[in-house]
């Protein structure tokens, strides 16, 4: 009887954890639709197929490399990479935007 109680408690905890987590849904396409883009071409859609860079991946990589910059600048970097550019080229224009006060 004593081993039955801890087993029941453990099973109940696992059941609750499973119910709380629910299905794991891929939120990347939804997140991509909310990202700004600077491209004049149609928005690049996230896809698992293909070997080329994905806009969403490049956006988050730019955010990781330049955390102090703006979402518009991360979008510009992602667009540049998806269109065939290099990170060295991106580094040239990834500079903080500053404003001057009078």
PDB file of N, CA and C in Angstrom:
ATOM      1  N   UNK A   1       0.818  -1.190   0.000  1.00  0.00           N
ATOM      2  CA  UNK A   1       0.000   0.000   0.000  1.00  0.00           C
ATOM      3  C   UNK A   1       0.862   1.254   0.000  1.00  0.00           C
ATOM      4  N   UNK A   2       1.993   1.198   0.732  1.00  0.00           N
ATOM      5  CA  UNK A   2       2.846   2.381   0.816  1.00  0.00           C
ATOM      6  C   UNK A   2       3.431   2.757  -0.542  1.00  0.00           C
ATOM      7  N   UNK A   3       3.839   1.782  -1.352  1.00  0.00           N
ATOM      8  CA  UNK A   3       4.417   2.098  -2.657  1.00  0.00           C
ATOM      9  C   UNK A   3       3.339   2.536  -3.649  1.00  0.00           C
ATOM     10  N   UNK A   4       2.100   2.170  -3.378  1.00  0.00           N
ATOM     11  CA  UNK A   4       1.007   2.560  -4.254  1.00  0.00           C
ATOM     12  C   UNK A   4       0.768   4.069  -4.214  1.00  0.00           C
ATOM     13  N   UNK A   5       0.863   4.684  -3.058  1.00  0.00           N
ATOM     14  CA  UNK A   5       0.598   6.124  -2.909  1.00  0.00           C
ATOM     15  C   UNK A   5       1.626   6.959  -3.678  1.00  0.00           C
ATOM     16  N   UNK A   6       2.950   6.741  -3.502  1.00  0.00           N
ATOM     17  CA  UNK A   6       3.910   7.534  -4.289  1.00  0.00           C
ATOM     18  C   UNK A   6       3.757   7.306  -5.794  1.00  0.00           C
ATOM     19  N   UNK A   7       3.436   6.076  -6.184  1.00  0.00           N
ATOM     20  CA  UNK A   7       3.242   5.788  -7.601  1.00  0.00           C
ATOM     21  C   UNK A   7       2.041   6.555  -8.130  1.00  0.00           C
ATOM     22  N   UNK A   8       0.961   6.597  -7.370  1.00  0.00           N
ATOM     23  CA  UNK A   8      -0.236   7.329  -7.772  1.00  0.00           C
ATOM     24  C   UNK A   8       0.040   8.822  -7.868  1.00  0.00           C
ATOM     25  N   UNK A   9       0.780   9.334  -6.904  1.00  0.00           N
ATOM     26  CA  UNK A   9       1.115  10.764  -6.907  1.00  0.00           C
ATOM     27  C   UNK A   9       1.982  11.095  -8.120  1.00  0.00           C
ATOM     28  N   UNK A  10       2.965  10.256  -8.402  1.00  0.00           N
ATOM     29  CA  UNK A  10       3.845  10.487  -9.552  1.00  0.00           C
ATOM     30  C   UNK A  10       3.057  10.435 -10.853  1.00  0.00           C
ATOM     31  N   UNK A  11       2.155   9.456 -10.981  1.00  0.00           N
ATOM     32  CA  UNK A  11       1.340   9.352 -12.182  1.00  0.00           C
ATOM     33  C   UNK A  11       0.452  10.585 -12.338  1.00  0.00           C
ATOM     34  N   UNK A  12      -0.152  11.025 -11.254  1.00  0.00           N
ATOM     35  CA  UNK A  12      -1.003  12.212 -11.297  1.00  0.00           C
ATOM     36  C   UNK A  12      -0.227  13.456 -11.703  1.00  0.00           C
ATOM     37  N   UNK A  13       0.992  13.590 -11.181  1.00  0.00           N
ATOM     38  CA  UNK A  13       1.819  14.747 -11.530  1.00  0.00           C
ATOM     39  C   UNK A  13       2.170  14.726 -13.011  1.00  0.00           C
ATOM     40  N   UNK A  14       2.518  13.557 -13.532  1.00  0.00           N
ATOM     41  CA  UNK A  14       2.832  13.451 -14.957  1.00  0.00           C
ATOM     42  C   UNK A  14       1.611  13.742 -15.817  1.00  0.00           C
ATOM     43  N   UNK A  15       0.455  13.281 -15.384  1.00  0.00           N
ATOM     44  CA  UNK A  15      -0.773  13.532 -16.119  1.00  0.00           C
ATOM     45  C   UNK A  15      -1.081  15.026 -16.164  1.00  0.00           C
ATOM     46  N   UNK A  16      -0.952  15.698 -15.030  1.00  0.00           N
ATOM     47  CA  UNK A  16      -1.189  17.143 -14.991  1.00  0.00           C
ATOM     48  C   UNK A  16      -0.189  17.897 -15.855  1.00  0.00           C
ATOM     49  N   UNK A  17       1.061  17.498 -15.817  1.00  0.00           N
ATOM     50  CA  UNK A  17       2.084  18.138 -16.632  1.00  0.00           C
ATOM     51  C   UNK A  17       1.770  17.972 -18.110  1.00  0.00           C
ATOM     52  N   UNK A  18       1.349  16.788 -18.497  1.00  0.00           N
ATOM     53  CA  UNK A  18       0.991  16.535 -19.890  1.00  0.00           C
ATOM     54  C   UNK A  18      -0.194  17.366 -20.335  1.00  0.00           C
ATOM     55  N   UNK A  19      -1.183  17.505 -19.472  1.00  0.00           N
ATOM     56  CA  UNK A  19      -2.355  18.308 -19.815  1.00  0.00           C
ATOM     57  C   UNK A  19      -2.015  19.788 -19.880  1.00  0.00           C
ATOM     58  N   UNK A  20      -1.138  20.248 -19.011  1.00  0.00           N
ATOM     59  CA  UNK A  20      -0.769  21.664 -18.985  1.00  0.00           C
ATOM     60  C   UNK A  20       0.019  22.049 -20.224  1.00  0.00           C
ATOM     61  N   UNK A  21       0.858  21.149 -20.707  1.00  0.00           N
ATOM     62  CA  UNK A  21       1.694  21.459 -21.865  1.00  0.00           C
ATOM     63  C   UNK A  21       0.890  21.411 -23.156  1.00  0.00           C
ATOM     64  N   UNK A  22      -0.040  20.512 -23.267  1.00  0.00           N
ATOM     65  CA  UNK A  22      -0.839  20.400 -24.472  1.00  0.00           C
ATOM     66  C   UNK A  22       0.008  20.050 -25.676  1.00  0.00           C
ATOM     67  N   UNK A  23      -0.534  20.315 -26.845  1.00  0.00           N
ATOM     68  CA  UNK A  23       0.209  20.053 -28.075  1.00  0.00           C
ATOM     69  C   UNK A  23       1.286  21.101 -28.248  1.00  0.00           C
ATOM     70  N   UNK A  24       2.434  20.689 -28.728  1.00  0.00           N
ATOM     71  CA  UNK A  24       3.469  21.663 -29.037  1.00  0.00           C
ATOM     72  C   UNK A  24       3.239  22.115 -30.472  1.00  0.00           C
ATOM     73  N   UNK A  25       2.916  23.363 -30.629  1.00  0.00           N
ATOM     74  CA  UNK A  25       2.568  23.929 -31.920  1.00  0.00           C
ATOM     75  C   UNK A  25       3.725  24.782 -32.415  1.00  0.00           C
ATOM     76  N   UNK A  26       4.037  24.691 -33.692  1.00  0.00           N
ATOM     77  CA  UNK A  26       5.098  25.499 -34.280  1.00  0.00           C
ATOM     78  C   UNK A  26       4.579  26.921 -34.462  1.00  0.00           C
ATOM     79  N   UNK A  27       5.110  27.846 -33.676  1.00  0.00           N
ATOM     80  CA  UNK A  27       4.650  29.231 -33.718  1.00  0.00           C
ATOM     81  C   UNK A  27       5.470  30.095 -34.667  1.00  0.00           C
ATOM     82  N   UNK A  28       6.485  29.531 -35.307  1.00  0.00           N
ATOM     83  CA  UNK A  28       7.350  30.337 -36.162  1.00  0.00           C
ATOM     84  C   UNK A  28       6.593  31.014 -37.301  1.00  0.00           C
ATOM     85  N   UNK A  29       5.678  30.330 -38.020  1.00  0.00           N
ATOM     86  CA  UNK A  29       4.953  31.033 -39.086  1.00  0.00           C
ATOM     87  C   UNK A  29       4.135  32.213 -38.552  1.00  0.00           C
ATOM     88  N   UNK A  30       3.540  32.053 -37.385  1.00  0.00           N
ATOM     89  CA  UNK A  30       2.778  33.147 -36.783  1.00  0.00           C
ATOM     90  C   UNK A  30       3.709  34.296 -36.405  1.00  0.00           C
ATOM     91  N   UNK A  31       4.850  33.974 -35.819  1.00  0.00           N
ATOM     92  CA  UNK A  31       5.810  35.011 -35.460  1.00  0.00           C
ATOM     93  C   UNK A  31       6.333  35.719 -36.700  1.00  0.00           C
ATOM     94  N   UNK A  32       6.551  34.963 -37.769  1.00  0.00           N
ATOM     95  CA  UNK A  32       7.058  35.567 -38.987  1.00  0.00           C
ATOM     96  C   UNK A  32       6.087  36.607 -39.527  1.00  0.00           C
ATOM     97  N   UNK A  33       4.791  36.320 -39.436  1.00  0.00           N
ATOM     98  CA  UNK A  33       3.808  37.252 -39.978  1.00  0.00           C
ATOM     99  C   UNK A  33       3.788  38.563 -39.207  1.00  0.00           C
ATOM    100  N   UNK A  34       4.316  38.561 -37.985  1.00  0.00           N
ATOM    101  CA  UNK A  34       4.337  39.770 -37.175  1.00  0.00           C
ATOM    102  C   UNK A  34       5.647  40.543 -37.284  1.00  0.00           C
ATOM    103  N   UNK A  35       6.636  39.986 -38.003  1.00  0.00           N
ATOM    104  CA  UNK A  35       7.924  40.655 -38.130  1.00  0.00           C
ATOM    105  C   UNK A  35       7.860  41.744 -39.193  1.00  0.00           C
ATOM    106  N   UNK A  36       8.550  42.843 -38.959  1.00  0.00           N
ATOM    107  CA  UNK A  36       8.598  43.873 -40.005  1.00  0.00           C
ATOM    108  C   UNK A  36       9.494  43.403 -41.145  1.00  0.00           C
ATOM    109  N   UNK A  37       9.256  43.918 -42.320  1.00  0.00           N
ATOM    110  CA  UNK A  37      10.094  43.580 -43.459  1.00  0.00           C
ATOM    111  C   UNK A  37      10.400  44.842 -44.247  1.00  0.00           C
ATOM    112  N   UNK A  38      11.579  44.917 -44.801  1.00  0.00           N
ATOM    113  CA  UNK A  38      11.955  46.083 -45.591  1.00  0.00           C
ATOM    114  C   UNK A  38      12.016  45.746 -47.069  1.00  0.00           C
ATOM    115  N   UNK A  39      11.603  44.557 -47.430  1.00  0.00           N
ATOM    116  CA  UNK A  39      11.678  44.158 -48.826  1.00  0.00           C
ATOM    117  C   UNK A  39      10.506  44.722 -49.614  1.00  0.00           C
ATOM    118  N   UNK A  40      10.768  45.065 -50.870  1.00  0.00           N
ATOM    119  CA  UNK A  40       9.688  45.519 -51.744  1.00  0.00           C
ATOM    120  C   UNK A  40       9.081  44.332 -52.482  1.00  0.00           C
ATOM    121  N   UNK A  41       9.747  43.186 -52.386  1.00  0.00           N
ATOM    122  CA  UNK A  41       9.239  41.965 -52.988  1.00  0.00           C
ATOM    123  C   UNK A  41       8.242  41.334 -52.019  1.00  0.00           C
ATOM    124  N   UNK A  42       7.512  40.328 -52.480  1.00  0.00           N
ATOM    125  CA  UNK A  42       6.597  39.659 -51.544  1.00  0.00           C
ATOM    126  C   UNK A  42       7.356  39.151 -50.322  1.00  0.00           C
ATOM    127  N   UNK A  43       6.684  39.118 -49.203  1.00  0.00           N
ATOM    128  CA  UNK A  43       7.302  38.660 -47.962  1.00  0.00           C
ATOM    129  C   UNK A  43       7.749  37.221 -48.130  1.00  0.00           C
ATOM    130  N   UNK A  44       8.944  36.929 -47.686  1.00  0.00           N
ATOM    131  CA  UNK A  44       9.469  35.570 -47.755  1.00  0.00           C
ATOM    132  C   UNK A  44       8.780  34.758 -46.669  1.00  0.00           C
ATOM    133  N   UNK A  45       8.165  33.671 -47.055  1.00  0.00           N
ATOM    134  CA  UNK A  45       7.454  32.832 -46.092  1.00  0.00           C
ATOM    135  C   UNK A  45       8.395  31.791 -45.520  1.00  0.00           C
ATOM    136  N   UNK A  46       8.212  31.486 -44.247  1.00  0.00           N
ATOM    137  CA  UNK A  46       9.030  30.459 -43.601  1.00  0.00           C
ATOM    138  C   UNK A  46       8.663  29.094 -44.161  1.00  0.00           C
ATOM    139  N   UNK A  47       9.661  28.302 -44.463  1.00  0.00           N
ATOM    140  CA  UNK A  47       9.429  26.946 -44.940  1.00  0.00           C
ATOM    141  C   UNK A  47      10.580  26.070 -44.495  1.00  0.00           C
ATOM    142  N   UNK A  48      10.304  24.831 -44.242  1.00  0.00           N
ATOM    143  CA  UNK A  48      11.349  23.887 -43.864  1.00  0.00           C
ATOM    144  C   UNK A  48      12.093  23.379 -45.093  1.00  0.00           C
ATOM    145  N   UNK A  49      11.483  23.488 -46.276  1.00  0.00           N
ATOM    146  CA  UNK A  49      12.099  22.962 -47.485  1.00  0.00           C
ATOM    147  C   UNK A  49      13.139  23.936 -48.022  1.00  0.00           C
ATOM    148  N   UNK A  50      14.072  23.410 -48.792  1.00  0.00           N
ATOM    149  CA  UNK A  50      15.054  24.244 -49.467  1.00  0.00           C
ATOM    150  C   UNK A  50      16.317  24.436 -48.656  1.00  0.00           C
ATOM    151  N   UNK A  51      17.374  24.835 -49.359  1.00  0.00           N
ATOM    152  CA  UNK A  51      18.669  25.001 -48.726  1.00  0.00           C
ATOM    153  C   UNK A  51      19.002  26.452 -48.413  1.00  0.00           C
ATOM    154  N   UNK A  52      18.282  27.393 -48.985  1.00  0.00           N
ATOM    155  CA  UNK A  52      18.607  28.804 -48.804  1.00  0.00           C
ATOM    156  C   UNK A  52      18.244  29.310 -47.419  1.00  0.00           C
ATOM    157  N   UNK A  53      18.720  30.508 -47.093  1.00  0.00           N
ATOM    158  CA  UNK A  53      18.405  31.079 -45.777  1.00  0.00           C
ATOM    159  C   UNK A  53      16.922  31.420 -45.671  1.00  0.00           C
ATOM    160  N   UNK A  54      16.391  31.277 -44.494  1.00  0.00           N
ATOM    161  CA  UNK A  54      14.993  31.593 -44.231  1.00  0.00           C
ATOM    162  C   UNK A  54      14.923  32.956 -43.545  1.00  0.00           C
ATOM    163  N   UNK A  55      13.965  33.767 -43.949  1.00  0.00           N
ATOM    164  CA  UNK A  55      13.842  35.123 -43.417  1.00  0.00           C
ATOM    165  C   UNK A  55      13.774  35.125 -41.892  1.00  0.00           C
ATOM    166  N   UNK A  56      12.930  34.267 -41.337  1.00  0.00           N
ATOM    167  CA  UNK A  56      12.740  34.256 -39.881  1.00  0.00           C
ATOM    168  C   UNK A  56      14.037  33.915 -39.162  1.00  0.00           C
ATOM    169  N   UNK A  57      14.789  32.955 -39.695  1.00  0.00           N
ATOM    170  CA  UNK A  57      16.061  32.583 -39.078  1.00  0.00           C
ATOM    171  C   UNK A  57      17.061  33.728 -39.153  1.00  0.00           C
ATOM    172  N   UNK A  58      17.103  34.394 -40.300  1.00  0.00           N
ATOM    173  CA  UNK A  58      18.052  35.497 -40.472  1.00  0.00           C
ATOM    174  C   UNK A  58      17.672  36.687 -39.588  1.00  0.00           C
ATOM    175  N   UNK A  59      16.364  36.909 -39.406  1.00  0.00           N
ATOM    176  CA  UNK A  59      15.905  37.998 -38.539  1.00  0.00           C
ATOM    177  C   UNK A  59      16.401  37.774 -37.112  1.00  0.00           C
ATOM    178  N   UNK A  60      16.197  36.568 -36.597  1.00  0.00           N
ATOM    179  CA  UNK A  60      16.605  36.291 -35.221  1.00  0.00           C
ATOM    180  C   UNK A  60      18.125  36.227 -35.078  1.00  0.00           C
ATOM    181  N   UNK A  61      18.824  35.828 -36.130  1.00  0.00           N
ATOM    182  CA  UNK A  61      20.288  35.846 -36.088  1.00  0.00           C
ATOM    183  C   UNK A  61      20.791  37.291 -36.022  1.00  0.00           C
ATOM    184  N   UNK A  62      20.180  38.181 -36.800  1.00  0.00           N
ATOM    185  CA  UNK A  62      20.561  39.601 -36.745  1.00  0.00           C
ATOM    186  C   UNK A  62      20.258  40.175 -35.365  1.00  0.00           C
ATOM    187  N   UNK A  63      19.126  39.794 -34.791  1.00  0.00           N
ATOM    188  CA  UNK A  63      18.785  40.261 -33.444  1.00  0.00           C
ATOM    189  C   UNK A  63      19.814  39.761 -32.429  1.00  0.00           C
ATOM    190  N   UNK A  64      20.283  38.533 -32.599  1.00  0.00           N
ATOM    191  CA  UNK A  64      21.282  37.982 -31.691  1.00  0.00           C
ATOM    192  C   UNK A  64      22.620  38.709 -31.840  1.00  0.00           C
ATOM    193  N   UNK A  65      23.012  39.008 -33.083  1.00  0.00           N
ATOM    194  CA  UNK A  65      24.306  39.652 -33.316  1.00  0.00           C
ATOM    195  C   UNK A  65      24.308  41.128 -32.935  1.00  0.00           C
ATOM    196  N   UNK A  66      23.185  41.811 -33.127  1.00  0.00           N
ATOM    197  CA  UNK A  66      23.102  43.245 -32.843  1.00  0.00           C
ATOM    198  C   UNK A  66      21.887  43.527 -31.952  1.00  0.00           C
ATOM    199  N   UNK A  67      21.933  43.151 -30.677  1.00  0.00           N
ATOM    200  CA  UNK A  67      20.761  43.290 -29.806  1.00  0.00           C
ATOM    201  C   UNK A  67      20.352  44.738 -29.531  1.00  0.00           C
ATOM    202  N   UNK A  68      21.251  45.689 -29.735  1.00  0.00           N
ATOM    203  CA  UNK A  68      20.925  47.084 -29.437  1.00  0.00           C
ATOM    204  C   UNK A  68      20.244  47.803 -30.589  1.00  0.00           C
ATOM    205  N   UNK A  69      20.071  47.146 -31.707  1.00  0.00           N
ATOM    206  CA  UNK A  69      19.486  47.806 -32.870  1.00  0.00           C
ATOM    207  C   UNK A  69      17.974  47.603 -32.901  1.00  0.00           C
ATOM    208  N   UNK A  70      17.342  48.168 -33.911  1.00  0.00           N
ATOM    209  CA  UNK A  70      15.877  48.177 -33.985  1.00  0.00           C
ATOM    210  C   UNK A  70      15.345  47.004 -34.809  1.00  0.00           C
ATOM    211  N   UNK A  71      14.071  46.665 -34.627  1.00  0.00           N
ATOM    212  CA  UNK A  71      13.458  45.616 -35.453  1.00  0.00           C
ATOM    213  C   UNK A  71      13.544  45.921 -36.950  1.00  0.00           C
ATOM    214  N   UNK A  72      13.442  47.190 -37.337  1.00  0.00           N
ATOM    215  CA  UNK A  72      13.567  47.536 -38.754  1.00  0.00           C
ATOM    216  C   UNK A  72      14.955  47.194 -39.285  1.00  0.00           C
ATOM    217  N   UNK A  73      15.977  47.409 -38.465  1.00  0.00           N
ATOM    218  CA  UNK A  73      17.337  47.087 -38.897  1.00  0.00           C
ATOM    219  C   UNK A  73      17.543  45.575 -38.972  1.00  0.00           C
ATOM    220  N   UNK A  74      16.964  44.828 -38.044  1.00  0.00           N
ATOM    221  CA  UNK A  74      17.047  43.364 -38.113  1.00  0.00           C
ATOM    222  C   UNK A  74      16.345  42.869 -39.375  1.00  0.00           C
ATOM    223  N   UNK A  75      15.217  43.493 -39.704  1.00  0.00           N
ATOM    224  CA  UNK A  75      14.483  43.121 -40.913  1.00  0.00           C
ATOM    225  C   UNK A  75      15.310  43.430 -42.155  1.00  0.00           C
ATOM    226  N   UNK A  76      15.997  44.568 -42.148  1.00  0.00           N
ATOM    227  CA  UNK A  76      16.850  44.920 -43.292  1.00  0.00           C
ATOM    228  C   UNK A  76      17.963  43.893 -43.466  1.00  0.00           C
ATOM    229  N   UNK A  77      18.552  43.458 -42.363  1.00  0.00           N
ATOM    230  CA  UNK A  77      19.614  42.448 -42.425  1.00  0.00           C
ATOM    231  C   UNK A  77      19.065  41.130 -42.961  1.00  0.00           C
ATOM    232  N   UNK A  78      17.916  40.704 -42.446  1.00  0.00           N
ATOM    233  CA  UNK A  78      17.312  39.443 -42.891  1.00  0.00           C
ATOM    234  C   UNK A  78      16.989  39.498 -44.375  1.00  0.00           C
ATOM    235  N   UNK A  79      16.435  40.607 -44.821  1.00  0.00           N
ATOM    236  CA  UNK A  79      16.095  40.773 -46.231  1.00  0.00           C
ATOM    237  C   UNK A  79      17.344  40.706 -47.094  1.00  0.00           C
ATOM    238  N   UNK A  80      18.413  41.364 -46.645  1.00  0.00           N
ATOM    239  CA  UNK A  80      19.663  41.372 -47.405  1.00  0.00           C
ATOM    240  C   UNK A  80      20.225  39.957 -47.554  1.00  0.00           C
ATOM    241  N   UNK A  81      20.210  39.184 -46.487  1.00  0.00           N
ATOM    242  CA  UNK A  81      20.730  37.816 -46.530  1.00  0.00           C
ATOM    243  C   UNK A  81      19.871  36.933 -47.430  1.00  0.00           C
ATOM    244  N   UNK A  82      18.558  37.027 -47.300  1.00  0.00           N
ATOM    245  CA  UNK A  82      17.657  36.206 -48.107  1.00  0.00           C
ATOM    246  C   UNK A  82      17.822  36.536 -49.590  1.00  0.00           C
ATOM    247  N   UNK A  83      18.134  37.798 -49.888  1.00  0.00           N
ATOM    248  CA  UNK A  83      18.322  38.207 -51.281  1.00  0.00           C
ATOM    249  C   UNK A  83      19.722  37.901 -51.801  1.00  0.00           C
ATOM    250  N   UNK A  84      20.526  37.154 -51.038  1.00  0.00           N
ATOM    251  CA  UNK A  84      21.824  36.712 -51.527  1.00  0.00           C
ATOM    252  C   UNK A  84      23.018  37.454 -50.965  1.00  0.00           C
ATOM    253  N   UNK A  85      22.812  38.341 -50.015  1.00  0.00           N
ATOM    254  CA  UNK A  85      23.919  39.088 -49.424  1.00  0.00           C
ATOM    255  C   UNK A  85      24.696  38.261 -48.415  1.00  0.00           C
ATOM    256  N   UNK A  86      25.724  38.888 -47.846  1.00  0.00           N
ATOM    257  CA  UNK A  86      26.555  38.213 -46.850  1.00  0.00           C
ATOM    258  C   UNK A  86      26.488  38.965 -45.528  1.00  0.00           C
ATOM    259  N   UNK A  87      26.903  38.286 -44.454  1.00  0.00           N
ATOM    260  CA  UNK A  87      26.916  38.937 -43.143  1.00  0.00           C
ATOM    261  C   UNK A  87      27.938  40.064 -43.104  1.00  0.00           C
ATOM    262  N   UNK A  88      29.040  39.941 -43.854  1.00  0.00           N
ATOM    263  CA  UNK A  88      30.026  41.027 -43.906  1.00  0.00           C
ATOM    264  C   UNK A  88      29.412  42.283 -44.510  1.00  0.00           C
ATOM    265  N   UNK A  89      28.600  42.115 -45.552  1.00  0.00           N
ATOM    266  CA  UNK A  89      27.917  43.262 -46.153  1.00  0.00           C
ATOM    267  C   UNK A  89      26.913  43.860 -45.175  1.00  0.00           C
ATOM    268  N   UNK A  90      26.217  43.005 -44.457  1.00  0.00           N
ATOM    269  CA  UNK A  90      25.223  43.475 -43.487  1.00  0.00           C
ATOM    270  C   UNK A  90      25.889  44.275 -42.378  1.00  0.00           C
ATOM    271  N   UNK A  91      27.065  43.839 -41.930  1.00  0.00           N
ATOM    272  CA  UNK A  91      27.755  44.508 -40.824  1.00  0.00           C
ATOM    273  C   UNK A  91      28.055  45.965 -41.141  1.00  0.00           C
ATOM    274  N   UNK A  92      28.165  46.301 -42.425  1.00  0.00           N
ATOM    275  CA  UNK A  92      28.457  47.681 -42.817  1.00  0.00           C
ATOM    276  C   UNK A  92      27.300  48.615 -42.458  1.00  0.00           C
ATOM    277  N   UNK A  93      26.065  48.162 -42.672  1.00  0.00           N
ATOM    278  CA  UNK A  93      24.936  49.064 -42.404  1.00  0.00           C
ATOM    279  C   UNK A  93      24.223  48.784 -41.081  1.00  0.00           C
ATOM    280  N   UNK A  94      24.688  47.829 -40.307  1.00  0.00           N
ATOM    281  CA  UNK A  94      24.079  47.560 -39.007  1.00  0.00           C
ATOM    282  C   UNK A  94      24.750  48.420 -37.938  1.00  0.00           C
ATOM    283  N   UNK A  95      24.431  49.679 -37.966  1.00  0.00           N
ATOM    284  CA  UNK A  95      24.974  50.620 -36.989  1.00  0.00           C
ATOM    285  C   UNK A  95      23.808  51.238 -36.234  1.00  0.00           C
ATOM    286  N   UNK A  96      24.005  51.580 -34.974  1.00  0.00           N
ATOM    287  CA  UNK A  96      22.909  52.186 -34.211  1.00  0.00           C
ATOM    288  C   UNK A  96      22.437  53.483 -34.854  1.00  0.00           C
ATOM    289  N   UNK A  97      21.134  53.652 -34.872  1.00  0.00           N
ATOM    290  CA  UNK A  97      20.592  54.920 -35.357  1.00  0.00           C
ATOM    291  C   UNK A  97      20.594  55.897 -34.195  1.00  0.00           C
ATOM    292  N   UNK A  98      21.054  57.080 -34.449  1.00  0.00           N
ATOM    293  CA  UNK A  98      21.116  58.095 -33.397  1.00  0.00           C
ATOM    294  C   UNK A  98      20.351  59.320 -33.838  1.00  0.00           C
ATOM    295  N   UNK A  99      19.872  60.025 -32.891  1.00  0.00           N
ATOM    296  CA  UNK A  99      19.193  61.287 -33.177  1.00  0.00           C
ATOM    297  C   UNK A  99      19.925  62.387 -32.437  1.00  0.00           C
ATOM    298  N   UNK A 100      19.932  63.547 -33.025  1.00  0.00           N
ATOM    299  CA  UNK A 100      20.578  64.683 -32.370  1.00  0.00           C
ATOM    300  C   UNK A 100      19.514  65.571 -31.776  1.00  0.00           C
ATOM    301  N   UNK A 101      19.794  66.039 -30.605  1.00  0.00           N
ATOM    302  CA  UNK A 101      18.855  66.941 -29.947  1.00  0.00           C
ATOM    303  C   UNK A 101      19.384  68.354 -30.056  1.00  0.00           C
ATOM    304  N   UNK A 102      18.491  69.284 -30.282  1.00  0.00           N
ATOM    305  CA  UNK A 102      18.896  70.701 -30.400  1.00  0.00           C
ATOM    306  C   UNK A 102      19.041  71.340 -29.054  1.00  0.00           C
TER     307      UNK A 102
END
